[in-house]
């Protein structure tokens, strides 16, 4: 059985091998939006995030 590689390493190898550099900003933005959603659900941080919008 082959050892599984981490998802981010597989994604990085895919982008490098196939010259899909345009995917990098999309992945970064999706990660940032995901973190914003996770941190926005906590009560201590939510007033500051809601002020941005």
C-alpha atoms as a PDB file:
ATOM      1  CA  UNK A   1       0.000   0.000   0.000  1.00  0.00           C
ATOM      2  CA  UNK A   2       1.386   3.382  -0.997  1.00  0.00           C
ATOM      3  CA  UNK A   3       1.829   6.094   1.597  1.00  0.00           C
ATOM      4  CA  UNK A   4      -0.576   8.996   1.131  1.00  0.00           C
ATOM      5  CA  UNK A   5       0.891  12.447   0.689  1.00  0.00           C
ATOM      6  CA  UNK A   6      -0.642  15.544   2.265  1.00  0.00           C
ATOM      7  CA  UNK A   7      -3.229  17.325   0.132  1.00  0.00           C
ATOM      8  CA  UNK A   8      -1.326  20.624  -0.049  1.00  0.00           C
ATOM      9  CA  UNK A   9       1.804  18.859  -1.260  1.00  0.00           C
ATOM     10  CA  UNK A  10      -0.196  17.064  -3.953  1.00  0.00           C
ATOM     11  CA  UNK A  11      -1.791  20.362  -4.996  1.00  0.00           C
ATOM     12  CA  UNK A  12       1.590  22.078  -5.155  1.00  0.00           C
ATOM     13  CA  UNK A  13       3.065  19.275  -7.287  1.00  0.00           C
ATOM     14  CA  UNK A  14       0.061  19.464  -9.619  1.00  0.00           C
ATOM     15  CA  UNK A  15       0.471  23.230 -10.089  1.00  0.00           C
ATOM     16  CA  UNK A  16       4.215  22.952 -10.707  1.00  0.00           C
ATOM     17  CA  UNK A  17       4.032  19.994 -13.103  1.00  0.00           C
ATOM     18  CA  UNK A  18       1.191  21.372 -15.227  1.00  0.00           C
ATOM     19  CA  UNK A  19       2.095  25.081 -15.005  1.00  0.00           C
ATOM     20  CA  UNK A  20      -1.263  25.961 -13.413  1.00  0.00           C
ATOM     21  CA  UNK A  21       0.046  29.051 -11.603  1.00  0.00           C
ATOM     22  CA  UNK A  22      -3.317  30.808 -11.989  1.00  0.00           C
ATOM     23  CA  UNK A  23      -4.740  28.367  -9.402  1.00  0.00           C
ATOM     24  CA  UNK A  24      -2.467  29.685  -6.648  1.00  0.00           C
ATOM     25  CA  UNK A  25      -4.330  32.996  -6.009  1.00  0.00           C
ATOM     26  CA  UNK A  26      -7.669  31.172  -6.077  1.00  0.00           C
ATOM     27  CA  UNK A  27      -6.498  28.664  -3.466  1.00  0.00           C
ATOM     28  CA  UNK A  28      -5.112  31.444  -1.262  1.00  0.00           C
ATOM     29  CA  UNK A  29      -8.349  33.455  -1.462  1.00  0.00           C
ATOM     30  CA  UNK A  30     -10.472  30.393  -0.661  1.00  0.00           C
ATOM     31  CA  UNK A  31      -8.285  29.696   2.378  1.00  0.00           C
ATOM     32  CA  UNK A  32      -8.581  33.312   3.562  1.00  0.00           C
ATOM     33  CA  UNK A  33     -12.368  33.341   3.145  1.00  0.00           C
ATOM     34  CA  UNK A  34     -12.585  30.043   5.011  1.00  0.00           C
ATOM     35  CA  UNK A  35     -10.533  31.457   7.886  1.00  0.00           C
ATOM     36  CA  UNK A  36     -12.722  34.578   7.915  1.00  0.00           C
ATOM     37  CA  UNK A  37     -15.833  32.405   8.224  1.00  0.00           C
ATOM     38  CA  UNK A  38     -14.320  30.316  11.015  1.00  0.00           C
ATOM     39  CA  UNK A  39     -13.076  33.326  12.983  1.00  0.00           C
ATOM     40  CA  UNK A  40     -16.298  35.228  12.309  1.00  0.00           C
ATOM     41  CA  UNK A  41     -18.300  32.668  14.226  1.00  0.00           C
ATOM     42  CA  UNK A  42     -16.500  33.333  17.491  1.00  0.00           C
ATOM     43  CA  UNK A  43     -18.203  35.952  19.636  1.00  0.00           C
ATOM     44  CA  UNK A  44     -15.043  37.883  20.536  1.00  0.00           C
ATOM     45  CA  UNK A  45     -13.965  38.588  16.960  1.00  0.00           C
ATOM     46  CA  UNK A  46     -17.303  38.930  15.187  1.00  0.00           C
ATOM     47  CA  UNK A  47     -17.910  42.665  15.910  1.00  0.00           C
ATOM     48  CA  UNK A  48     -14.604  43.519  14.232  1.00  0.00           C
ATOM     49  CA  UNK A  49     -15.298  41.371  11.176  1.00  0.00           C
ATOM     50  CA  UNK A  50     -18.863  42.658  10.805  1.00  0.00           C
ATOM     51  CA  UNK A  51     -17.481  46.197  10.845  1.00  0.00           C
ATOM     52  CA  UNK A  52     -15.517  45.392   7.666  1.00  0.00           C
ATOM     53  CA  UNK A  53     -18.725  44.776   5.744  1.00  0.00           C
END
